[in-house]
């Protein structure tokens, strides 16, 4: 019995020791659990505080971004309005320049048309002057032909002084008639008639002097009298030959 009691006491001691160890382990686990719970609560609190701080920062950052966006939108709108105003001013200036250039171009076109008309008029005047020059040359050639015809007709007549005066008068009248006809047919041509008449008179005087010298040098009785047809030369014949 004693042995059984001792054995039972030992078992009870062992059980008590195991119970103490179990209590100690349980107490340690309880402490760890309490510490873990406190740590968890602390972490939750810190997390909540961090979330709250983050939310505040996000709200502040969002407000800052919105303010910056509004400021940038206002600056952009102001810049666009300024650039639009400048563009409208430049566009108005370009429109005014275009209008001025259009008017200037119209004026230059008008001036060019006027110059073209003046050029055409000058060309017509040049052509007319060329035609008048040709007409003058033709009239001068005709006058020279008439002078040569008068000289040829005068050589056929006698060399007496009375006949020579009559011939000179008839030649001068013929030249006057020819000059009047030229003035009627070519009113734009200016003929230097006095010089022409003086030249003809000088030529006639020279021919008269030469004829007198030839008559003086010819043998007496050898000369032939002028025919009645030649002596009947009149002013009308000279005029008709000149014409």
C-alpha atoms as a PDB file:
ATOM      1  CA  UNK A   1       0.000   0.000   0.000  1.00  0.00           C
ATOM      2  CA  UNK A   2       2.827   2.247   0.897  1.00  0.00           C
ATOM      3  CA  UNK A   3       4.426   1.601  -2.395  1.00  0.00           C
ATOM      4  CA  UNK A   4       1.229   2.294  -4.178  1.00  0.00           C
ATOM      5  CA  UNK A   5       0.860   5.502  -2.221  1.00  0.00           C
ATOM      6  CA  UNK A   6       4.417   6.518  -3.071  1.00  0.00           C
ATOM      7  CA  UNK A   7       3.850   5.658  -6.682  1.00  0.00           C
ATOM      8  CA  UNK A   8       0.656   7.599  -6.642  1.00  0.00           C
ATOM      9  CA  UNK A   9       2.404  10.518  -4.971  1.00  0.00           C
ATOM     10  CA  UNK A  10       5.092  10.475  -7.633  1.00  0.00           C
ATOM     11  CA  UNK A  11       2.506  10.424 -10.355  1.00  0.00           C
ATOM     12  CA  UNK A  12       0.701  13.233  -8.619  1.00  0.00           C
ATOM     13  CA  UNK A  13       3.956  15.190  -8.434  1.00  0.00           C
ATOM     14  CA  UNK A  14       4.638  14.489 -12.070  1.00  0.00           C
ATOM     15  CA  UNK A  15       1.125  15.495 -12.976  1.00  0.00           C
ATOM     16  CA  UNK A  16       1.436  18.602 -10.857  1.00  0.00           C
ATOM     17  CA  UNK A  17       4.728  19.442 -12.572  1.00  0.00           C
ATOM     18  CA  UNK A  18       3.157  18.928 -15.959  1.00  0.00           C
ATOM     19  CA  UNK A  19       0.249  21.014 -14.834  1.00  0.00           C
ATOM     20  CA  UNK A  20       2.582  23.804 -13.724  1.00  0.00           C
ATOM     21  CA  UNK A  21       4.447  23.585 -16.984  1.00  0.00           C
ATOM     22  CA  UNK A  22       1.182  23.595 -18.864  1.00  0.00           C
ATOM     23  CA  UNK A  23       0.041  26.609 -16.828  1.00  0.00           C
ATOM     24  CA  UNK A  24       3.355  28.329 -17.453  1.00  0.00           C
ATOM     25  CA  UNK A  25       3.115  27.575 -21.156  1.00  0.00           C
ATOM     26  CA  UNK A  26      -0.497  28.708 -21.173  1.00  0.00           C
ATOM     27  CA  UNK A  27       0.463  31.881 -19.326  1.00  0.00           C
ATOM     28  CA  UNK A  28       3.256  32.461 -21.823  1.00  0.00           C
ATOM     29  CA  UNK A  29       0.890  31.845 -24.704  1.00  0.00           C
ATOM     30  CA  UNK A  30      -1.616  34.185 -23.079  1.00  0.00           C
ATOM     31  CA  UNK A  31       1.046  36.851 -22.707  1.00  0.00           C
ATOM     32  CA  UNK A  32       2.122  36.336 -26.298  1.00  0.00           C
ATOM     33  CA  UNK A  33      -1.486  36.510 -27.379  1.00  0.00           C
ATOM     34  CA  UNK A  34      -2.021  39.691 -25.413  1.00  0.00           C
ATOM     35  CA  UNK A  35       1.181  41.135 -26.803  1.00  0.00           C
ATOM     36  CA  UNK A  36       0.164  40.081 -30.300  1.00  0.00           C
ATOM     37  CA  UNK A  37      -3.276  41.602 -29.802  1.00  0.00           C
ATOM     38  CA  UNK A  38      -1.770  44.830 -28.563  1.00  0.00           C
ATOM     39  CA  UNK A  39       0.693  44.831 -31.441  1.00  0.00           C
ATOM     40  CA  UNK A  40      -2.151  44.141 -33.850  1.00  0.00           C
ATOM     41  CA  UNK A  41      -4.208  46.962 -32.371  1.00  0.00           C
ATOM     42  CA  UNK A  42      -1.170  49.225 -32.535  1.00  0.00           C
ATOM     43  CA  UNK A  43      -0.573  48.272 -36.153  1.00  0.00           C
ATOM     44  CA  UNK A  44      -4.244  48.820 -36.955  1.00  0.00           C
ATOM     45  CA  UNK A  45      -4.106  52.202 -35.267  1.00  0.00           C
ATOM     46  CA  UNK A  46      -0.930  53.124 -37.118  1.00  0.00           C
ATOM     47  CA  UNK A  47      -2.476  51.885 -40.369  1.00  0.00           C
ATOM     48  CA  UNK A  48      -5.594  53.941 -39.763  1.00  0.00           C
ATOM     49  CA  UNK A  49      -3.472  56.973 -38.963  1.00  0.00           C
ATOM     50  CA  UNK A  50      -1.391  56.339 -42.083  1.00  0.00           C
ATOM     51  CA  UNK A  51      -4.533  55.982 -44.174  1.00  0.00           C
ATOM     52  CA  UNK A  52      -5.935  59.166 -42.684  1.00  0.00           C
ATOM     53  CA  UNK A  53      -2.670  60.994 -43.353  1.00  0.00           C
ATOM     54  CA  UNK A  54      -2.547  59.583 -46.853  1.00  0.00           C
ATOM     55  CA  UNK A  55      -6.146  60.652 -47.417  1.00  0.00           C
ATOM     56  CA  UNK A  56      -5.287  64.147 -46.185  1.00  0.00           C
ATOM     57  CA  UNK A  57      -2.230  64.272 -48.457  1.00  0.00           C
ATOM     58  CA  UNK A  58      -4.257  62.953 -51.381  1.00  0.00           C
ATOM     59  CA  UNK A  59      -6.967  65.547 -50.728  1.00  0.00           C
ATOM     60  CA  UNK A  60      -4.354  68.296 -50.415  1.00  0.00           C
ATOM     61  CA  UNK A  61      -2.572  67.090 -53.566  1.00  0.00           C
ATOM     62  CA  UNK A  62      -5.844  66.852 -55.449  1.00  0.00           C
ATOM     63  CA  UNK A  63      -6.812  70.355 -54.358  1.00  0.00           C
ATOM     64  CA  UNK A  64      -3.361  71.596 -55.366  1.00  0.00           C
ATOM     65  CA  UNK A  65      -3.643  69.871 -58.753  1.00  0.00           C
ATOM     66  CA  UNK A  66      -7.106  71.276 -59.291  1.00  0.00           C
ATOM     67  CA  UNK A  67      -5.882  74.747 -58.370  1.00  0.00           C
ATOM     68  CA  UNK A  68      -2.935  74.341 -60.729  1.00  0.00           C
ATOM     69  CA  UNK A  69      -5.280  73.072 -63.440  1.00  0.00           C
ATOM     70  CA  UNK A  70      -7.597  76.013 -62.960  1.00  0.00           C
ATOM     71  CA  UNK A  71      -4.644  78.399 -63.006  1.00  0.00           C
ATOM     72  CA  UNK A  72      -3.261  76.766 -66.142  1.00  0.00           C
ATOM     73  CA  UNK A  73      -6.695  76.821 -67.761  1.00  0.00           C
ATOM     74  CA  UNK A  74      -7.024  80.502 -66.921  1.00  0.00           C
ATOM     75  CA  UNK A  75      -3.516  81.219 -68.236  1.00  0.00           C
ATOM     76  CA  UNK A  76      -4.217  79.169 -71.370  1.00  0.00           C
ATOM     77  CA  UNK A  77      -7.524  80.959 -71.921  1.00  0.00           C
ATOM     78  CA  UNK A  78      -5.825  84.343 -71.409  1.00  0.00           C
ATOM     79  CA  UNK A  79      -3.000  83.354 -73.765  1.00  0.00           C
ATOM     80  CA  UNK A  80      -5.456  82.095 -76.364  1.00  0.00           C
ATOM     81  CA  UNK A  81      -7.508  85.286 -76.093  1.00  0.00           C
ATOM     82  CA  UNK A  82      -4.349  87.383 -76.458  1.00  0.00           C
ATOM     83  CA  UNK A  83      -3.107  85.352 -79.414  1.00  0.00           C
ATOM     84  CA  UNK A  84      -6.567  85.437 -80.979  1.00  0.00           C
ATOM     85  CA  UNK A  85      -6.678  89.219 -80.593  1.00  0.00           C
ATOM     86  CA  UNK A  86      -3.197  89.545 -82.101  1.00  0.00           C
ATOM     87  CA  UNK A  87      -4.207  87.199 -84.912  1.00  0.00           C
ATOM     88  CA  UNK A  88      -7.346  89.224 -85.598  1.00  0.00           C
ATOM     89  CA  UNK A  89      -5.276  92.430 -85.620  1.00  0.00           C
ATOM     90  CA  UNK A  90      -2.774  90.861 -88.023  1.00  0.00           C
ATOM     91  CA  UNK A  91      -5.619  89.515 -90.140  1.00  0.00           C
ATOM     92  CA  UNK A  92      -7.205  92.972 -90.286  1.00  0.00           C
ATOM     93  CA  UNK A  93      -3.832  94.488 -91.228  1.00  0.00           C
ATOM     94  CA  UNK A  94      -3.376  91.846 -93.930  1.00  0.00           C
ATOM     95  CA  UNK A  95      -6.882  92.554 -95.211  1.00  0.00           C
ATOM     96  CA  UNK A  96      -6.078  96.282 -95.334  1.00  0.00           C
ATOM     97  CA  UNK A  97      -2.786  95.542 -97.101  1.00  0.00           C
ATOM     98  CA  UNK A  98      -4.621  93.287 -99.537  1.00  0.00           C
ATOM     99  CA  UNK A  99      -7.164  96.014-100.240  1.00  0.00           C
ATOM    100  CA  UNK A 100      -4.389  98.580-100.719  1.00  0.00           C
ATOM    101  CA  UNK A 101      -2.490  96.198-102.987  1.00  0.00           C
ATOM    102  CA  UNK A 102      -5.673  95.490-104.923  1.00  0.00           C
ATOM    103  CA  UNK A 103      -6.284  99.213-105.399  1.00  0.00           C
ATOM    104  CA  UNK A 104      -2.629  99.745-106.301  1.00  0.00           C
ATOM    105  CA  UNK A 105      -2.826  96.850-108.742  1.00  0.00           C
ATOM    106  CA  UNK A 106      -5.985  98.316-110.234  1.00  0.00           C
ATOM    107  CA  UNK A 107      -4.303 101.702-110.546  1.00  0.00           C
ATOM    108  CA  UNK A 108      -1.274 100.089-112.153  1.00  0.00           C
ATOM    109  CA  UNK A 109      -3.516  98.146-114.513  1.00  0.00           C
ATOM    110  CA  UNK A 110      -5.235 101.398-115.425  1.00  0.00           C
ATOM    111  CA  UNK A 111      -1.866 103.100-115.860  1.00  0.00           C
ATOM    112  CA  UNK A 112      -0.630 100.155-117.908  1.00  0.00           C
ATOM    113  CA  UNK A 113      -3.732 100.327-120.081  1.00  0.00           C
ATOM    114  CA  UNK A 114      -3.185 104.077-120.489  1.00  0.00           C
ATOM    115  CA  UNK A 115       0.472 103.502-121.353  1.00  0.00           C
ATOM    116  CA  UNK A 116      -0.554 100.800-123.808  1.00  0.00           C
ATOM    117  CA  UNK A 117      -2.990 103.207-125.420  1.00  0.00           C
ATOM    118  CA  UNK A 118      -0.317 105.910-125.508  1.00  0.00           C
ATOM    119  CA  UNK A 119       2.127 103.400-126.977  1.00  0.00           C
ATOM    120  CA  UNK A 120      -0.398 102.401-129.631  1.00  0.00           C
ATOM    121  CA  UNK A 121      -1.075 106.080-130.327  1.00  0.00           C
ATOM    122  CA  UNK A 122       2.660 106.801-130.586  1.00  0.00           C
ATOM    123  CA  UNK A 123       3.102 103.805-132.866  1.00  0.00           C
ATOM    124  CA  UNK A 124       0.266 105.103-135.021  1.00  0.00           C
ATOM    125  CA  UNK A 125       1.886 108.545-135.041  1.00  0.00           C
ATOM    126  CA  UNK A 126       5.234 106.982-135.982  1.00  0.00           C
ATOM    127  CA  UNK A 127       3.568 105.048-138.786  1.00  0.00           C
ATOM    128  CA  UNK A 128       1.738 108.180-139.895  1.00  0.00           C
ATOM    129  CA  UNK A 129       5.010 110.128-139.764  1.00  0.00           C
ATOM    130  CA  UNK A 130       6.665 107.388-141.812  1.00  0.00           C
ATOM    131  CA  UNK A 131       3.820 107.566-144.306  1.00  0.00           C
ATOM    132  CA  UNK A 132       4.064 111.374-144.383  1.00  0.00           C
ATOM    133  CA  UNK A 133       7.801 111.083-144.857  1.00  0.00           C
ATOM    134  CA  UNK A 134       7.229 108.708-147.753  1.00  0.00           C
ATOM    135  CA  UNK A 135       4.612 111.048-149.177  1.00  0.00           C
ATOM    136  CA  UNK A 136       7.018 113.982-148.768  1.00  0.00           C
ATOM    137  CA  UNK A 137       9.760 112.068-150.545  1.00  0.00           C
ATOM    138  CA  UNK A 138       7.336 111.131-153.301  1.00  0.00           C
ATOM    139  CA  UNK A 139       6.175 114.737-153.599  1.00  0.00           C
ATOM    140  CA  UNK A 140       9.794 115.892-153.665  1.00  0.00           C
ATOM    141  CA  UNK A 141      10.601 113.379-156.391  1.00  0.00           C
ATOM    142  CA  UNK A 142       7.552 114.517-158.338  1.00  0.00           C
ATOM    143  CA  UNK A 143       8.616 118.153-157.905  1.00  0.00           C
ATOM    144  CA  UNK A 144      12.106 117.306-159.159  1.00  0.00           C
ATOM    145  CA  UNK A 145      10.584 115.527-162.133  1.00  0.00           C
ATOM    146  CA  UNK A 146       8.457 118.584-162.817  1.00  0.00           C
ATOM    147  CA  UNK A 147      11.528 120.825-162.543  1.00  0.00           C
ATOM    148  CA  UNK A 148      13.437 118.612-164.969  1.00  0.00           C
ATOM    149  CA  UNK A 149      10.441 118.667-167.317  1.00  0.00           C
ATOM    150  CA  UNK A 150      10.334 122.470-167.108  1.00  0.00           C
ATOM    151  CA  UNK A 151      14.070 122.679-167.799  1.00  0.00           C
ATOM    152  CA  UNK A 152      13.731 120.348-170.785  1.00  0.00           C
ATOM    153  CA  UNK A 153      10.843 122.369-172.172  1.00  0.00           C
ATOM    154  CA  UNK A 154      12.692 125.668-171.665  1.00  0.00           C
ATOM    155  CA  UNK A 155      15.717 124.458-173.653  1.00  0.00           C
ATOM    156  CA  UNK A 156      13.573 124.119-176.759  1.00  0.00           C
ATOM    157  CA  UNK A 157      12.836 127.800-177.030  1.00  0.00           C
ATOM    158  CA  UNK A 158      14.771 130.792-178.264  1.00  0.00           C
ATOM    159  CA  UNK A 159      17.260 132.570-176.039  1.00  0.00           C
ATOM    160  CA  UNK A 160      15.939 136.091-176.485  1.00  0.00           C
ATOM    161  CA  UNK A 161      15.512 138.151-173.362  1.00  0.00           C
ATOM    162  CA  UNK A 162      11.755 138.679-173.818  1.00  0.00           C
ATOM    163  CA  UNK A 163      11.151 134.975-174.395  1.00  0.00           C
ATOM    164  CA  UNK A 164      13.357 134.073-171.438  1.00  0.00           C
ATOM    165  CA  UNK A 165      11.392 136.442-169.203  1.00  0.00           C
ATOM    166  CA  UNK A 166       8.139 134.948-170.453  1.00  0.00           C
ATOM    167  CA  UNK A 167       9.463 131.447-169.841  1.00  0.00           C
ATOM    168  CA  UNK A 168      10.714 132.379-166.373  1.00  0.00           C
ATOM    169  CA  UNK A 169       7.328 133.881-165.522  1.00  0.00           C
ATOM    170  CA  UNK A 170       5.536 130.836-166.933  1.00  0.00           C
ATOM    171  CA  UNK A 171       7.852 128.489-164.962  1.00  0.00           C
ATOM    172  CA  UNK A 172       7.278 130.405-161.760  1.00  0.00           C
ATOM    173  CA  UNK A 173       3.510 130.345-162.297  1.00  0.00           C
ATOM    174  CA  UNK A 174       3.730 126.638-163.017  1.00  0.00           C
ATOM    175  CA  UNK A 175       5.626 126.089-159.794  1.00  0.00           C
ATOM    176  CA  UNK A 176       2.992 128.082-157.921  1.00  0.00           C
ATOM    177  CA  UNK A 177       0.248 125.952-159.435  1.00  0.00           C
ATOM    178  CA  UNK A 178       2.189 122.789-158.650  1.00  0.00           C
ATOM    179  CA  UNK A 179       2.711 123.994-155.077  1.00  0.00           C
ATOM    180  CA  UNK A 180      -1.019 124.648-154.689  1.00  0.00           C
ATOM    181  CA  UNK A 181      -1.810 121.201-156.022  1.00  0.00           C
ATOM    182  CA  UNK A 182       0.660 119.645-153.608  1.00  0.00           C
ATOM    183  CA  UNK A 183      -0.927 121.562-150.726  1.00  0.00           C
ATOM    184  CA  UNK A 184      -4.352 120.298-151.744  1.00  0.00           C
ATOM    185  CA  UNK A 185      -3.309 116.666-152.204  1.00  0.00           C
ATOM    186  CA  UNK A 186      -0.870 116.501-149.265  1.00  0.00           C
ATOM    187  CA  UNK A 187      -1.932 119.059-146.634  1.00  0.00           C
ATOM    188  CA  UNK A 188       0.313 117.496-143.967  1.00  0.00           C
ATOM    189  CA  UNK A 189       3.512 117.829-146.010  1.00  0.00           C
ATOM    190  CA  UNK A 190       5.548 120.994-145.570  1.00  0.00           C
ATOM    191  CA  UNK A 191       7.491 121.812-148.752  1.00  0.00           C
ATOM    192  CA  UNK A 192      10.253 124.393-148.538  1.00  0.00           C
ATOM    193  CA  UNK A 193       8.877 126.206-151.558  1.00  0.00           C
ATOM    194  CA  UNK A 194      10.927 129.458-151.430  1.00  0.00           C
ATOM    195  CA  UNK A 195      14.230 127.588-151.543  1.00  0.00           C
ATOM    196  CA  UNK A 196      12.873 125.412-154.336  1.00  0.00           C
ATOM    197  CA  UNK A 197      11.789 128.450-156.371  1.00  0.00           C
ATOM    198  CA  UNK A 198      15.107 130.225-155.795  1.00  0.00           C
ATOM    199  CA  UNK A 199      16.953 127.141-156.941  1.00  0.00           C
ATOM    200  CA  UNK A 200      14.856 126.917-160.111  1.00  0.00           C
ATOM    201  CA  UNK A 201      15.322 130.624-160.851  1.00  0.00           C
ATOM    202  CA  UNK A 202      19.092 130.356-160.401  1.00  0.00           C
ATOM    203  CA  UNK A 203      19.210 127.320-162.675  1.00  0.00           C
ATOM    204  CA  UNK A 204      17.159 129.137-165.280  1.00  0.00           C
ATOM    205  CA  UNK A 205      19.447 132.172-165.112  1.00  0.00           C
ATOM    206  CA  UNK A 206      22.504 129.952-165.471  1.00  0.00           C
ATOM    207  CA  UNK A 207      20.987 128.181-168.451  1.00  0.00           C
ATOM    208  CA  UNK A 208      20.042 131.550-169.964  1.00  0.00           C
ATOM    209  CA  UNK A 209      23.608 132.813-169.596  1.00  0.00           C
ATOM    210  CA  UNK A 210      24.975 129.615-171.107  1.00  0.00           C
ATOM    211  CA  UNK A 211      22.528 129.901-173.995  1.00  0.00           C
ATOM    212  CA  UNK A 212      23.598 133.508-174.636  1.00  0.00           C
ATOM    213  CA  UNK A 213      27.257 132.495-174.613  1.00  0.00           C
ATOM    214  CA  UNK A 214      26.552 129.675-177.063  1.00  0.00           C
ATOM    215  CA  UNK A 215      24.687 132.068-179.351  1.00  0.00           C
ATOM    216  CA  UNK A 216      27.583 134.521-179.271  1.00  0.00           C
ATOM    217  CA  UNK A 217      30.059 131.786-180.063  1.00  0.00           C
ATOM    218  CA  UNK A 218      27.970 130.287-182.930  1.00  0.00           C
ATOM    219  CA  UNK A 219      28.710 131.361-186.612  1.00  0.00           C
ATOM    220  CA  UNK A 220      26.496 134.090-188.038  1.00  0.00           C
ATOM    221  CA  UNK A 221      23.659 132.753-190.154  1.00  0.00           C
ATOM    222  CA  UNK A 222      24.155 129.190-189.002  1.00  0.00           C
ATOM    223  CA  UNK A 223      21.532 129.326-186.244  1.00  0.00           C
ATOM    224  CA  UNK A 224      18.040 128.170-186.870  1.00  0.00           C
ATOM    225  CA  UNK A 225      15.023 130.238-185.933  1.00  0.00           C
ATOM    226  CA  UNK A 226      12.685 128.724-183.483  1.00  0.00           C
ATOM    227  CA  UNK A 227       9.737 126.959-184.955  1.00  0.00           C
ATOM    228  CA  UNK A 228       6.276 128.517-184.642  1.00  0.00           C
ATOM    229  CA  UNK A 229       5.235 125.665-182.377  1.00  0.00           C
ATOM    230  CA  UNK A 230       8.134 126.383-180.003  1.00  0.00           C
ATOM    231  CA  UNK A 231       7.571 130.149-180.059  1.00  0.00           C
ATOM    232  CA  UNK A 232       3.917 129.716-179.294  1.00  0.00           C
ATOM    233  CA  UNK A 233       4.762 128.255-175.835  1.00  0.00           C
ATOM    234  CA  UNK A 234       2.393 129.740-173.310  1.00  0.00           C
ATOM    235  CA  UNK A 235       1.894 129.798-169.575  1.00  0.00           C
ATOM    236  CA  UNK A 236      -0.844 127.160-169.873  1.00  0.00           C
ATOM    237  CA  UNK A 237       1.546 124.749-171.655  1.00  0.00           C
ATOM    238  CA  UNK A 238       4.130 125.139-168.886  1.00  0.00           C
ATOM    239  CA  UNK A 239       1.453 124.615-166.251  1.00  0.00           C
ATOM    240  CA  UNK A 240       0.153 121.499-168.022  1.00  0.00           C
ATOM    241  CA  UNK A 241       3.673 120.067-168.291  1.00  0.00           C
ATOM    242  CA  UNK A 242       4.359 120.778-164.624  1.00  0.00           C
ATOM    243  CA  UNK A 243       1.115 119.083-163.636  1.00  0.00           C
END
